[in-house]
N, C-alpha and C. Protein backbone atom coordinates (compact mmCIF):
# COMPACT_ATOMS: atom_id res chain seq x y z
N UNK A 1 253.31 171.37 264.78
CA UNK A 1 254.13 171.99 265.66
C UNK A 1 253.78 173.65 265.95
N UNK A 2 253.58 174.19 264.43
CA UNK A 2 253.43 174.85 264.88
C UNK A 2 251.96 175.80 264.72
N UNK A 3 250.95 174.63 263.82
CA UNK A 3 249.86 175.17 264.94
C UNK A 3 249.57 175.08 265.95
N UNK A 4 250.37 174.31 266.63
CA UNK A 4 249.73 173.84 268.01
C UNK A 4 251.23 176.26 269.12
N UNK A 5 251.48 176.16 268.28
CA UNK A 5 252.67 177.42 268.54
C UNK A 5 251.82 178.50 268.75
N UNK A 6 250.82 178.52 267.66
CA UNK A 6 249.48 179.62 266.67
C UNK A 6 248.41 179.67 268.29
N UNK A 7 248.09 178.17 268.71
CA UNK A 7 246.58 178.38 269.17
C UNK A 7 247.22 178.88 270.77
N UNK A 8 248.06 178.36 271.23
CA UNK A 8 248.70 179.40 272.20
C UNK A 8 249.11 180.42 272.52
N UNK A 9 249.70 181.13 271.21
CA UNK A 9 249.67 182.36 270.72
C UNK A 9 248.47 183.30 270.94
N UNK A 10 247.49 182.74 270.14
CA UNK A 10 246.15 183.07 270.36
C UNK A 10 245.62 183.77 271.93
N UNK A 11 245.63 182.92 272.47
CA UNK A 11 244.89 182.67 273.72
C UNK A 11 245.60 184.05 275.24
N UNK A 12 246.96 184.86 274.73
CA UNK A 12 247.53 185.90 274.89
C UNK A 12 247.14 187.57 274.64
N UNK A 13 245.31 186.82 273.37
CA UNK A 13 245.10 188.30 273.87
C UNK A 13 244.94 189.07 272.67
N UNK A 14 245.73 188.43 271.69
CA UNK A 14 246.34 189.43 270.46
C UNK A 14 245.62 189.80 269.52
N UNK A 15 245.36 191.24 269.05
CA UNK A 15 245.27 192.14 268.05
C UNK A 15 244.92 190.81 266.68
N UNK A 16 245.73 189.51 266.42
CA UNK A 16 245.99 189.19 265.37
C UNK A 16 246.98 187.87 265.59
N UNK A 17 246.78 186.85 265.62
CA UNK A 17 248.15 185.86 265.41
C UNK A 17 248.10 185.39 263.47
N UNK A 18 249.52 185.16 263.39
CA UNK A 18 249.82 185.84 261.72
C UNK A 18 251.09 184.92 262.05
N UNK A 19 251.00 183.78 261.16
CA UNK A 19 252.06 182.57 261.28
C UNK A 19 253.68 183.58 259.84
N UNK A 20 254.66 183.20 259.53
CA UNK A 20 255.26 183.36 258.93
C UNK A 20 255.99 182.23 258.29
N UNK A 21 255.96 182.27 257.29
CA UNK A 21 256.22 180.45 256.94
C UNK A 21 257.48 180.77 255.59
N UNK A 22 257.95 179.64 255.06
CA UNK A 22 258.69 179.63 254.00
C UNK A 22 258.36 178.40 253.34
N UNK A 23 257.41 178.07 253.14
CA UNK A 23 256.93 177.01 252.63
C UNK A 23 255.65 176.88 252.69
N UNK A 24 254.79 176.49 251.36
CA UNK A 24 253.70 176.51 250.84
C UNK A 24 252.90 175.34 252.13
N UNK A 25 253.60 173.48 252.49
CA UNK A 25 253.13 173.35 252.71
C UNK A 25 252.87 173.63 254.45
N UNK A 26 253.32 174.35 255.55
CA UNK A 26 253.06 175.37 256.61
C UNK A 26 251.81 175.93 256.42
N UNK A 27 251.97 176.55 255.00
CA UNK A 27 250.26 177.52 255.02
C UNK A 27 249.14 176.43 254.86
N UNK A 28 248.89 175.58 254.46
CA UNK A 28 248.62 174.78 253.77
C UNK A 28 247.65 174.17 255.68
N UNK A 29 248.61 173.42 256.09
CA UNK A 29 248.31 173.00 257.61
C UNK A 29 248.08 174.25 259.01
N UNK A 30 248.64 175.63 258.32
CA UNK A 30 247.51 176.73 259.46
C UNK A 30 245.92 177.11 258.75
N UNK A 31 245.77 176.76 257.34
CA UNK A 31 244.60 176.90 257.30
C UNK A 31 243.65 176.03 256.80
N UNK A 32 244.25 175.02 257.86
CA UNK A 32 243.63 173.60 257.54
C UNK A 32 242.35 173.67 259.01
N UNK A 33 243.62 174.63 259.78
CA UNK A 33 243.13 174.91 261.66
C UNK A 33 242.73 176.38 261.32
N UNK A 34 242.08 176.94 260.78
CA UNK A 34 241.47 177.83 260.62
C UNK A 34 242.62 179.65 260.85
N UNK A 35 243.99 179.27 260.81
CA UNK A 35 245.20 180.28 261.22
C UNK A 35 245.76 181.17 260.44
N UNK A 36 245.26 181.97 260.53
CA UNK A 36 245.90 182.81 259.21
C UNK A 36 247.91 183.13 259.55
N UNK A 37 247.86 182.68 257.90
CA UNK A 37 249.76 182.47 257.62
C UNK A 37 249.76 183.47 256.56
N UNK A 38 251.74 184.15 256.21
CA UNK A 38 251.51 184.49 255.00
C UNK A 38 252.92 183.69 254.83
N UNK A 39 253.62 183.60 253.21
CA UNK A 39 254.43 183.43 252.51
C UNK A 39 255.28 184.31 252.54
N UNK A 40 256.11 183.95 252.79
CA UNK A 40 257.85 184.62 253.34
C UNK A 40 258.78 184.47 252.40
N UNK A 41 260.17 185.03 251.43
CA UNK A 41 260.60 184.52 251.07
C UNK A 41 261.12 183.14 252.03
N UNK A 42 262.61 182.07 251.46
CA UNK A 42 262.78 181.17 251.94
C UNK A 42 264.64 181.09 251.82
N UNK A 43 264.58 182.60 251.87
CA UNK A 43 266.62 183.35 252.14
C UNK A 43 266.55 183.78 252.94
N UNK A 44 266.15 184.36 254.41
CA UNK A 44 266.33 185.30 254.75
C UNK A 44 267.13 184.57 256.12
N UNK A 45 268.20 185.70 256.44
CA UNK A 45 269.73 185.51 257.82
C UNK A 45 268.67 185.17 258.69
N UNK A 46 267.64 185.81 259.07
CA UNK A 46 266.98 185.70 260.68
C UNK A 46 265.13 185.37 260.47
N UNK A 47 265.46 185.25 261.41
CA UNK A 47 263.07 185.41 261.98
C UNK A 47 263.26 186.68 262.21
N UNK A 48 264.35 187.68 262.76
CA UNK A 48 263.68 188.77 262.68
C UNK A 48 263.48 189.52 261.14
N UNK A 49 264.98 189.28 260.09
CA UNK A 49 264.24 189.63 258.34
C UNK A 49 263.17 189.13 258.35
N UNK A 50 262.93 187.51 258.38
CA UNK A 50 261.91 187.85 257.97
C UNK A 50 260.24 188.35 257.81
N UNK A 51 259.69 188.50 260.04
CA UNK A 51 259.43 188.96 260.32
C UNK A 51 259.08 190.81 259.29
N UNK A 52 260.41 191.32 259.15
CA UNK A 52 260.49 192.60 258.51
C UNK A 52 259.38 192.63 257.38
N UNK A 53 259.50 191.64 255.97
CA UNK A 53 259.27 191.50 255.11
C UNK A 53 257.46 190.77 255.48
N UNK A 54 256.89 189.94 256.83
CA UNK A 54 255.66 190.50 257.21
C UNK A 54 254.62 191.54 257.67
N UNK A 55 255.90 192.08 257.71
CA UNK A 55 254.78 193.30 258.52
C UNK A 55 254.55 194.35 257.01
N UNK A 56 255.64 193.97 256.23
CA UNK A 56 255.89 194.89 254.71
C UNK A 56 254.36 194.58 254.32
N UNK A 57 254.91 192.70 253.99
CA UNK A 57 253.11 192.14 253.15
C UNK A 57 252.29 192.39 253.86
N UNK A 58 251.81 193.04 255.41
CA UNK A 58 250.78 192.75 256.61
C UNK A 58 250.32 194.42 256.62
N UNK A 59 250.95 194.60 255.91
CA UNK A 59 250.74 196.27 256.01
C UNK A 59 250.43 197.52 257.41
N UNK A 60 251.42 196.72 258.20
CA UNK A 60 251.33 197.41 260.08
C UNK A 60 252.24 198.69 259.91
N UNK A 61 251.47 198.82 260.66
CA UNK A 61 252.14 200.43 260.53
C UNK A 61 253.30 200.90 261.42
N UNK A 62 254.21 201.60 261.49
CA UNK A 62 255.42 201.88 262.60
C UNK A 62 255.47 200.91 263.95
N UNK A 63 254.45 201.86 264.42
CA UNK A 63 253.92 201.44 265.88
C UNK A 63 252.81 201.14 266.21
N UNK A 64 253.16 199.43 265.06
CA UNK A 64 252.60 198.23 266.05
C UNK A 64 253.29 197.83 266.93
N UNK A 65 252.96 197.02 267.89
CA UNK A 65 253.61 196.19 268.05
C UNK A 65 254.25 194.57 268.13
N UNK A 66 254.85 194.04 267.98
CA UNK A 66 254.74 192.12 266.82
C UNK A 66 255.81 191.43 268.01
N UNK A 67 254.53 190.70 268.60
CA UNK A 67 256.07 189.83 268.99
C UNK A 67 256.36 188.04 268.56
N UNK A 68 257.86 188.00 268.01
CA UNK A 68 257.95 187.00 267.36
C UNK A 68 258.11 185.46 268.42
N UNK A 69 257.20 185.12 268.14
CA UNK A 69 256.66 183.25 269.23
C UNK A 69 257.52 182.78 267.65
N UNK A 70 258.93 181.66 268.34
CA UNK A 70 258.81 180.39 267.53
C UNK A 70 258.32 179.17 267.40
N UNK A 71 258.73 179.28 266.59
CA UNK A 71 257.45 178.23 266.10
C UNK A 71 258.04 176.46 266.73
N UNK A 72 258.78 176.38 266.88
CA UNK A 72 258.82 175.20 267.66
C UNK A 72 258.67 175.56 269.67
N UNK A 73 257.87 176.37 269.94
CA UNK A 73 257.61 176.37 271.23
C UNK A 73 256.17 176.56 271.49
N UNK A 74 255.95 174.71 271.55
CA UNK A 74 254.45 174.21 271.59
C UNK A 74 253.51 174.88 273.30
N UNK A 75 254.56 175.29 273.78
CA UNK A 75 254.36 175.14 275.06
C UNK A 75 254.59 176.31 275.57
N UNK A 76 254.65 177.24 275.20
CA UNK A 76 255.25 178.59 275.02
C UNK A 76 254.11 179.56 276.20
N UNK A 77 253.71 180.13 277.34
CA UNK A 77 252.72 180.67 278.58
C UNK A 77 252.21 182.26 277.32
N UNK A 78 250.60 182.30 277.56
CA UNK A 78 250.33 183.10 277.34
C UNK A 78 250.36 184.50 277.27
N UNK A 79 250.61 184.00 279.00
CA UNK A 79 250.49 185.20 279.30
C UNK A 79 251.36 186.15 279.87
N UNK A 80 252.63 185.67 279.59
CA UNK A 80 254.30 185.69 279.01
C UNK A 80 254.65 186.57 277.61
N UNK A 81 253.83 186.30 276.36
CA UNK A 81 253.21 187.25 275.78
C UNK A 81 252.91 188.19 276.31
N UNK A 82 251.94 188.06 276.82
CA UNK A 82 251.29 189.31 276.81
C UNK A 82 252.20 189.99 277.43
N UNK A 83 252.91 190.06 278.30
CA UNK A 83 253.51 190.84 279.54
C UNK A 83 254.71 191.50 278.85
N UNK A 84 255.31 190.45 277.56
CA UNK A 84 256.41 191.11 277.09
C UNK A 84 255.81 192.49 275.89
N UNK A 85 254.97 191.99 275.44
CA UNK A 85 254.15 192.58 274.60
C UNK A 85 253.96 194.76 275.30
N UNK A 86 253.27 194.36 276.59
CA UNK A 86 252.76 195.33 277.71
C UNK A 86 254.19 196.08 277.66
N UNK A 87 255.01 195.25 278.47
CA UNK A 87 256.38 195.86 278.62
C UNK A 87 257.20 197.28 277.94
N UNK A 88 256.76 196.82 275.94
CA UNK A 88 257.11 197.30 275.30
C UNK A 88 255.95 198.34 274.86
N UNK A 89 254.92 198.75 274.98
CA UNK A 89 254.28 199.49 275.13
C UNK A 89 254.47 200.60 276.43
N UNK A 90 255.15 200.24 277.16
CA UNK A 90 255.09 200.71 278.89
C UNK A 90 256.08 201.81 278.47
N UNK A 91 258.09 201.25 277.53
CA UNK A 91 258.85 201.47 277.03
C UNK A 91 259.19 202.40 276.52
N UNK A 92 259.45 203.52 275.89
CA UNK A 92 258.76 203.84 274.35
C UNK A 92 260.44 204.73 274.14
N UNK A 93 261.35 204.43 274.89
CA UNK A 93 262.73 204.49 275.37
C UNK A 93 264.04 203.23 275.05
N UNK A 94 262.66 201.86 274.15
CA UNK A 94 263.51 200.72 274.06
C UNK A 94 262.97 200.65 272.62
N UNK A 95 263.56 199.36 271.72
CA UNK A 95 263.18 199.38 270.69
C UNK A 95 262.23 198.31 270.45
N UNK A 96 263.04 197.52 271.51
CA UNK A 96 261.86 195.98 271.64
C UNK A 96 261.98 195.61 273.12
N UNK A 97 261.26 194.11 273.59
CA UNK A 97 261.60 193.96 274.65
C UNK A 97 261.91 192.95 274.56
N UNK A 98 262.15 191.53 275.57
CA UNK A 98 262.55 189.92 275.47
C UNK A 98 261.21 189.96 277.15
N UNK A 99 262.20 188.40 277.51
CA UNK A 99 262.12 188.24 278.97
C UNK A 99 263.28 187.52 279.46
N UNK A 100 263.44 187.64 280.67
CA UNK A 100 264.38 186.46 281.29
C UNK A 100 263.41 186.15 283.23
N UNK A 101 264.30 184.77 282.75
CA UNK A 101 263.68 184.60 284.73
C UNK A 101 265.35 183.85 285.30
N UNK A 102 265.01 184.27 286.67
CA UNK A 102 266.36 183.71 287.39
C UNK A 102 266.88 182.10 287.15
N UNK A 103 267.95 181.31 287.04
CA UNK A 103 268.71 180.48 287.23
C UNK A 103 269.02 179.88 288.75
N UNK A 104 268.40 178.74 288.85
CA UNK A 104 268.49 178.10 290.23
C UNK A 104 269.92 176.96 290.06
N UNK A 105 269.92 176.84 288.56
CA UNK A 105 270.93 175.37 288.39
C UNK A 105 272.06 175.86 288.26
N UNK A 106 273.19 175.72 288.92
CA UNK A 106 274.25 175.72 288.40
C UNK A 106 275.05 175.06 287.07
N UNK A 107 274.33 174.23 287.06
CA UNK A 107 274.73 173.68 285.49
C UNK A 107 274.21 174.36 284.24
N UNK A 108 273.68 175.09 284.85
CA UNK A 108 272.13 175.53 283.49
C UNK A 108 273.46 177.29 283.21
N UNK A 109 274.24 177.60 284.07
CA UNK A 109 274.31 178.88 284.62
C UNK A 109 275.78 178.48 283.18
N UNK A 110 276.18 177.28 283.51
CA UNK A 110 278.01 177.31 282.84
C UNK A 110 277.15 177.05 281.78
N UNK A 111 276.48 176.29 281.39
CA UNK A 111 276.27 176.09 279.71
C UNK A 111 275.68 177.33 278.85
N UNK A 112 276.86 176.99 277.68
CA UNK A 112 276.81 177.06 276.85
C UNK A 112 275.13 178.12 276.01
N UNK A 113 275.15 176.50 276.06
CA UNK A 113 273.83 177.15 275.77
C UNK A 113 272.13 178.04 276.28
N UNK A 114 272.69 178.00 277.22
CA UNK A 114 272.31 178.60 278.28
C UNK A 114 272.55 179.73 277.71
N UNK A 115 271.54 181.42 277.48
CA UNK A 115 271.92 182.79 276.82
C UNK A 115 271.26 183.63 278.04
N UNK A 116 272.34 183.66 278.91
CA UNK A 116 272.44 184.72 279.73
C UNK A 116 272.23 186.27 279.60
N UNK A 117 271.66 187.24 280.22
CA UNK A 117 271.53 188.73 280.23
C UNK A 117 271.63 189.12 281.60
N UNK A 118 272.11 190.43 281.71
CA UNK A 118 272.63 191.04 283.01
C UNK A 118 272.04 192.71 282.55
N UNK A 119 271.52 193.05 283.66
CA UNK A 119 270.21 194.48 283.38
C UNK A 119 270.90 195.64 284.25
N UNK A 120 270.30 196.09 283.87
CA UNK A 120 270.69 197.13 285.14
C UNK A 120 269.12 197.86 285.82
N UNK A 121 269.65 199.24 286.38
CA UNK A 121 268.56 199.15 287.40
C UNK A 121 267.45 199.25 286.75
N UNK A 122 267.45 199.88 285.92
CA UNK A 122 265.79 199.69 285.40
C UNK A 122 265.15 198.69 284.52
N UNK A 123 266.33 197.44 284.70
CA UNK A 123 265.39 195.91 283.78
C UNK A 123 265.67 196.59 282.48
N UNK A 124 266.07 197.60 282.03
CA UNK A 124 267.08 197.22 280.87
C UNK A 124 268.77 196.23 280.28
N UNK A 125 268.22 195.80 279.10
CA UNK A 125 269.60 195.11 279.07
C UNK A 125 270.45 195.66 279.07
N UNK A 126 271.82 195.05 279.95
CA UNK A 126 273.33 195.59 279.19
C UNK A 126 274.39 195.01 278.27
N UNK A 127 273.68 193.75 278.71
CA UNK A 127 274.12 192.31 277.97
C UNK A 127 273.90 191.34 277.99
N UNK A 128 273.68 190.07 277.12
CA UNK A 128 273.30 188.74 276.69
C UNK A 128 274.49 187.85 276.38
N UNK A 129 274.77 186.71 276.61
CA UNK A 129 276.60 185.92 276.75
C UNK A 129 275.67 184.54 277.22
N UNK A 130 276.10 184.03 275.96
CA UNK A 130 276.54 182.35 276.68
C UNK A 130 277.11 182.14 277.41
N UNK A 131 277.91 182.81 277.96
CA UNK A 131 279.33 182.96 278.93
C UNK A 131 278.59 183.15 280.40
N UNK A 132 278.49 181.98 281.62
CA UNK A 132 277.88 182.96 282.20
C UNK A 132 278.83 183.64 283.34
N UNK A 133 277.33 184.82 283.51
CA UNK A 133 277.46 186.38 283.69
C UNK A 133 276.21 186.65 284.48
N UNK A 134 276.51 187.42 285.52
CA UNK A 134 277.26 188.73 285.34
C UNK A 134 278.67 187.41 286.92
N UNK A 135 279.80 187.71 286.85
CA UNK A 135 280.56 186.32 287.04
C UNK A 135 281.15 186.89 289.05
N UNK A 136 281.23 186.06 289.79
CA UNK A 136 281.38 187.01 290.50
C UNK A 136 282.84 186.78 291.18
N UNK A 137 283.25 187.68 292.17
CA UNK A 137 285.33 187.65 292.10
C UNK A 137 286.18 186.81 292.22
N UNK A 138 285.08 186.17 293.19
CA UNK A 138 285.82 184.82 293.56
C UNK A 138 285.86 183.46 293.21
N UNK A 139 284.98 183.81 292.19
CA UNK A 139 283.71 182.57 291.64
C UNK A 139 284.65 181.78 290.79
N UNK A 140 286.06 181.09 290.71
CA UNK A 140 286.96 180.52 291.21
C UNK A 140 288.49 180.44 291.93
N UNK A 141 287.98 180.55 292.52
CA UNK A 141 288.68 180.77 294.19
C UNK A 141 288.99 179.63 294.77
N UNK A 142 288.82 178.81 294.82
CA UNK A 142 288.77 177.31 294.64
C UNK A 142 288.52 176.25 293.60
N UNK A 143 288.78 176.51 292.66
CA UNK A 143 288.82 175.74 291.63
C UNK A 143 287.37 176.00 290.93
N UNK A 144 286.62 174.96 290.84
CA UNK A 144 285.64 175.42 289.98
C UNK A 144 284.21 175.72 290.89
N UNK A 145 282.84 176.60 290.48
CA UNK A 145 282.77 177.21 292.20
C UNK A 145 281.13 176.36 292.15
N UNK A 146 281.04 175.67 293.21
CA UNK A 146 279.80 174.43 293.59
C UNK A 146 279.03 175.22 293.63
N UNK A 147 278.46 176.86 293.52
CA UNK A 147 277.17 177.38 294.19
C UNK A 147 277.41 178.42 293.31
N UNK A 148 276.01 178.89 292.98
CA UNK A 148 275.60 180.16 292.06
C UNK A 148 275.98 181.31 292.81
N UNK A 149 276.13 182.80 291.91
CA UNK A 149 276.60 184.20 292.91
C UNK A 149 275.55 184.16 293.36
N UNK A 150 274.99 185.39 293.84
CA UNK A 150 274.32 186.27 294.05
C UNK A 150 274.27 187.56 293.90
N UNK A 151 273.02 188.50 293.77
CA UNK A 151 271.67 187.87 293.12
C UNK A 151 272.18 186.52 292.00
N UNK A 152 270.99 186.31 291.61
CA UNK A 152 270.80 185.09 290.75
C UNK A 152 270.82 184.87 289.24
N UNK A 153 271.77 185.00 288.72
CA UNK A 153 272.00 185.18 287.19
C UNK A 153 270.53 185.08 286.63
N UNK A 154 270.29 186.22 285.30
CA UNK A 154 269.19 185.92 284.94
C UNK A 154 269.27 184.45 282.97
N UNK A 155 267.89 183.92 282.77
CA UNK A 155 268.79 183.74 281.87
C UNK A 155 267.05 183.45 280.92
N UNK A 156 268.35 184.39 279.82
CA UNK A 156 267.11 184.74 278.23
C UNK A 156 266.33 183.96 278.41
N UNK A 157 264.95 184.47 278.18
CA UNK A 157 263.79 183.59 276.88
C UNK A 157 263.72 183.89 275.52
N UNK A 158 263.81 183.16 275.00
CA UNK A 158 264.08 183.81 274.07
C UNK A 158 262.42 184.29 273.25
N UNK A 159 261.88 185.47 273.55
CA UNK A 159 260.79 185.83 273.26
C UNK A 159 260.70 186.91 272.95
N UNK A 160 260.55 188.04 271.97
CA UNK A 160 260.67 188.85 271.32
C UNK A 160 259.15 189.77 270.80
N UNK A 161 259.37 191.51 271.45
CA UNK A 161 258.31 192.46 271.08
C UNK A 161 259.61 192.99 269.78
N UNK A 162 259.08 193.55 269.30
CA UNK A 162 259.41 194.61 268.69
C UNK A 162 258.48 195.83 267.86
N UNK A 163 258.46 196.75 267.66
CA UNK A 163 257.91 198.14 267.64
C UNK A 163 258.39 197.44 265.66
N UNK A 164 256.94 197.64 264.36
CA UNK A 164 256.50 197.20 263.66
C UNK A 164 258.20 198.17 262.74
N UNK A 165 257.89 199.31 262.86
CA UNK A 165 259.29 200.14 262.35
C UNK A 165 260.63 199.82 262.24
N UNK A 166 261.15 199.45 263.86
CA UNK A 166 262.17 198.84 263.99
C UNK A 166 262.80 197.99 263.20
N UNK A 167 261.76 196.42 263.44
CA UNK A 167 261.78 195.71 262.40
C UNK A 167 262.44 195.85 260.51
N UNK A 168 261.63 197.09 260.02
CA UNK A 168 261.52 197.44 258.89
C UNK A 168 263.43 197.25 258.85
N UNK A 169 263.99 198.42 259.69
CA UNK A 169 264.73 198.83 260.17
C UNK A 169 265.72 197.99 260.33
N UNK A 170 265.51 197.12 260.85
CA UNK A 170 266.58 196.02 261.81
C UNK A 170 267.75 195.56 260.38
N UNK A 171 267.61 194.43 259.79
CA UNK A 171 268.00 193.88 258.42
C UNK A 171 269.67 194.93 257.54
N UNK A 172 269.02 195.73 257.94
CA UNK A 172 269.30 197.03 256.79
C UNK A 172 270.83 197.24 258.51
N UNK A 173 270.56 197.42 259.18
CA UNK A 173 272.11 197.24 260.59
C UNK A 173 272.70 196.56 260.11
N UNK A 174 273.88 197.08 260.77
CA UNK A 174 275.82 195.99 259.35
C UNK A 174 275.76 195.57 261.16
N UNK A 175 275.04 194.14 261.26
CA UNK A 175 276.12 192.89 262.14
C UNK A 175 277.23 193.03 263.07
N UNK A 176 277.21 193.21 264.00
CA UNK A 176 278.36 193.69 264.80
C UNK A 176 279.11 192.18 265.56
N UNK A 177 280.48 192.66 265.68
CA UNK A 177 281.33 191.46 266.14
C UNK A 177 280.94 190.95 267.26
N UNK A 178 280.72 191.66 268.11
CA UNK A 178 279.96 190.79 269.24
C UNK A 178 278.74 189.91 269.26
N UNK A 179 278.14 190.30 267.79
CA UNK A 179 276.58 189.12 267.77
C UNK A 179 277.17 188.40 267.30
N UNK A 180 278.22 187.99 265.84
CA UNK A 180 279.53 187.13 265.70
C UNK A 180 279.87 186.24 266.58
N UNK A 181 280.96 186.84 267.51
CA UNK A 181 281.80 185.83 268.31
C UNK A 181 280.19 185.21 269.01
N UNK A 182 279.20 185.73 269.17
CA UNK A 182 278.36 184.81 270.48
C UNK A 182 276.73 184.14 269.89
N UNK A 183 277.19 184.71 267.92
CA UNK A 183 275.85 183.93 267.51
C UNK A 183 274.09 184.60 268.65
N UNK A 184 274.86 185.69 268.78
CA UNK A 184 273.20 186.18 268.77
C UNK A 184 273.08 187.32 268.24
N UNK A 185 271.92 187.09 267.67
CA UNK A 185 271.22 188.59 266.89
C UNK A 185 270.76 189.92 268.06
N UNK A 186 270.26 189.69 268.59
CA UNK A 186 269.98 190.56 270.03
C UNK A 186 271.09 191.89 269.90
N UNK A 187 272.34 190.82 270.60
CA UNK A 187 274.24 191.68 270.57
C UNK A 187 273.52 192.55 269.79
N UNK A 188 273.54 192.58 268.30
CA UNK A 188 273.29 193.64 267.37
C UNK A 188 273.13 195.15 267.58
N UNK A 189 271.22 195.01 268.24
CA UNK A 189 270.73 195.33 269.24
C UNK A 189 271.23 196.97 270.05
N UNK A 190 272.11 195.96 270.75
CA UNK A 190 272.43 197.38 271.64
C UNK A 190 273.86 197.44 271.17
N UNK A 191 275.00 196.99 269.81
CA UNK A 191 275.94 198.19 269.50
C UNK A 191 275.68 198.32 268.37
N UNK A 192 274.51 198.75 268.41
CA UNK A 192 274.02 199.51 267.34
C UNK A 192 273.24 201.24 269.00
N UNK A 193 273.20 200.62 269.92
CA UNK A 193 273.29 202.11 271.01
C UNK A 193 271.15 201.78 271.01
N UNK A 194 270.97 200.82 270.64
CA UNK A 194 269.19 200.61 271.14
C UNK A 194 269.18 200.25 272.52
N UNK A 195 267.67 200.15 272.33
CA UNK A 195 268.36 199.96 274.51
C UNK A 195 266.99 198.79 273.98
N UNK A 196 266.46 197.21 274.57
CA UNK A 196 266.39 195.94 275.43
C UNK A 196 265.22 196.51 276.37
N UNK A 197 264.29 195.93 277.15
CA UNK A 197 263.43 196.29 278.51
C UNK A 197 263.32 194.63 278.18
N UNK A 198 263.26 193.75 279.45
CA UNK A 198 263.65 192.82 279.77
C UNK A 198 262.13 192.69 280.77
N UNK A 199 261.83 191.40 280.66
CA UNK A 199 260.64 191.66 281.51
C UNK A 199 261.64 190.22 282.52
N UNK A 200 261.15 190.36 283.72
CA UNK A 200 261.12 189.48 284.66
C UNK A 200 259.83 187.86 285.42
N UNK A 201 259.92 186.93 284.41
CA UNK A 201 259.05 186.10 284.37
C UNK A 201 259.45 185.30 285.84
N UNK A 202 258.26 184.73 286.85
CA UNK A 202 258.62 184.35 287.76
C UNK A 202 258.55 182.77 288.10
N UNK A 203 259.03 181.98 286.31
CA UNK A 203 259.16 181.12 285.73
C UNK A 203 259.62 180.59 284.35
N UNK A 204 260.14 180.10 284.62
CA UNK A 204 261.45 178.60 283.44
C UNK A 204 259.98 178.75 282.30
N UNK A 205 260.18 178.53 281.31
CA UNK A 205 258.89 178.46 280.13
C UNK A 205 258.78 177.46 279.71
N UNK A 206 258.41 176.84 279.25
CA UNK A 206 257.88 175.37 279.21
C UNK A 206 259.13 175.12 277.38
N UNK A 207 259.87 174.29 277.67
CA UNK A 207 260.25 173.38 276.84
C UNK A 207 260.54 173.44 275.44
N UNK A 208 261.26 173.88 274.88
CA UNK A 208 261.27 174.30 273.55
C UNK A 208 261.12 173.06 272.72
N UNK A 209 260.93 172.31 271.23
CA UNK A 209 261.17 171.35 270.88
C UNK A 209 262.79 171.52 269.99
N UNK A 210 263.64 171.23 270.37
CA UNK A 210 264.64 171.01 269.35
C UNK A 210 265.28 169.30 269.56
N UNK A 211 264.67 168.41 269.67
CA UNK A 211 265.34 166.80 269.34
C UNK A 211 263.73 165.84 269.43
N UNK A 212 264.72 164.88 269.19
CA UNK A 212 263.08 163.27 269.04
C UNK A 212 262.76 163.67 270.41
N UNK A 213 263.47 163.83 270.94
CA UNK A 213 263.25 162.74 272.52
C UNK A 213 262.02 164.57 273.39
N UNK A 214 262.59 166.18 272.64
CA UNK A 214 261.79 167.16 273.73
C UNK A 214 260.47 166.64 272.48
N UNK A 215 260.55 166.69 271.34
CA UNK A 215 259.02 166.33 270.26
C UNK A 215 258.23 165.15 271.33
N UNK A 216 258.58 163.98 271.29
CA UNK A 216 257.63 163.01 272.10
C UNK A 216 257.08 162.80 273.42
N UNK A 217 257.91 164.24 273.81
CA UNK A 217 257.32 164.67 275.35
C UNK A 217 256.40 165.79 275.44
N UNK A 218 256.15 166.67 273.99
CA UNK A 218 255.27 167.34 273.76
C UNK A 218 253.83 166.70 273.14
N UNK A 219 254.04 165.72 272.98
CA UNK A 219 252.86 164.85 272.01
C UNK A 219 252.27 164.40 273.12
N UNK A 220 253.45 163.94 274.33
CA UNK A 220 251.92 163.28 275.66
C UNK A 220 251.65 164.31 276.98
N UNK A 221 251.86 165.39 276.18
CA UNK A 221 250.86 166.84 276.81
C UNK A 221 250.20 167.26 276.08
N UNK A 222 250.29 167.00 275.03
CA UNK A 222 249.07 167.75 274.41
C UNK A 222 247.94 167.05 273.44
N UNK A 223 248.63 164.96 273.34
CA UNK A 223 247.95 164.24 271.97
C UNK A 223 247.85 163.81 270.82
N UNK A 224 246.86 163.99 270.22
CA UNK A 224 247.26 164.43 268.15
C UNK A 224 246.97 165.66 268.44
N UNK A 225 246.44 166.54 267.49
CA UNK A 225 246.14 167.77 266.86
C UNK A 225 245.11 167.09 266.27
């Protein structure tokens, strides 16, 4: 699956695509398919910490834009990777960029496993939450809501671009109370007064692989590697 993700990421036009892994078996699988990989420590608390180590091992300059594509996203859209990277390059006021799309199902809006984001007028993140935000004043006036608020709420897509210099600094930032409450690492960035630019995608990304059923669905799309 990691090989599939890396092959999709290559299609984004990135100057370099590298897998950061904590297991020699992953490096061997990548080598078999001609994919660059770097071995990192196995005890990192988060993916951002692992990326910070990878930046050092690869000798990246502080202004290098690094996009974090999770290894369980074999259907990731290459153009979305490009869009998130390009957005960060155009936003010197932000240390990170990410993506979101409009929610069109009430069940997704109410689902705590679907992370929501609200933005300011420059499409910079104000807050991320597992709660349904933004919530309209009369949303519970007649019991449980029957429809979505307007304008449409936004679902956060877990794809991030960083500058390597910020990635190196991130592990040293104190975890925030909001981050611990919501179990959302990006809230540490906002809590420390940094800014995250958000690209609005016209469509939802392909599903990630979290269950055996997800894996079977993705295998049906790709076939054997």
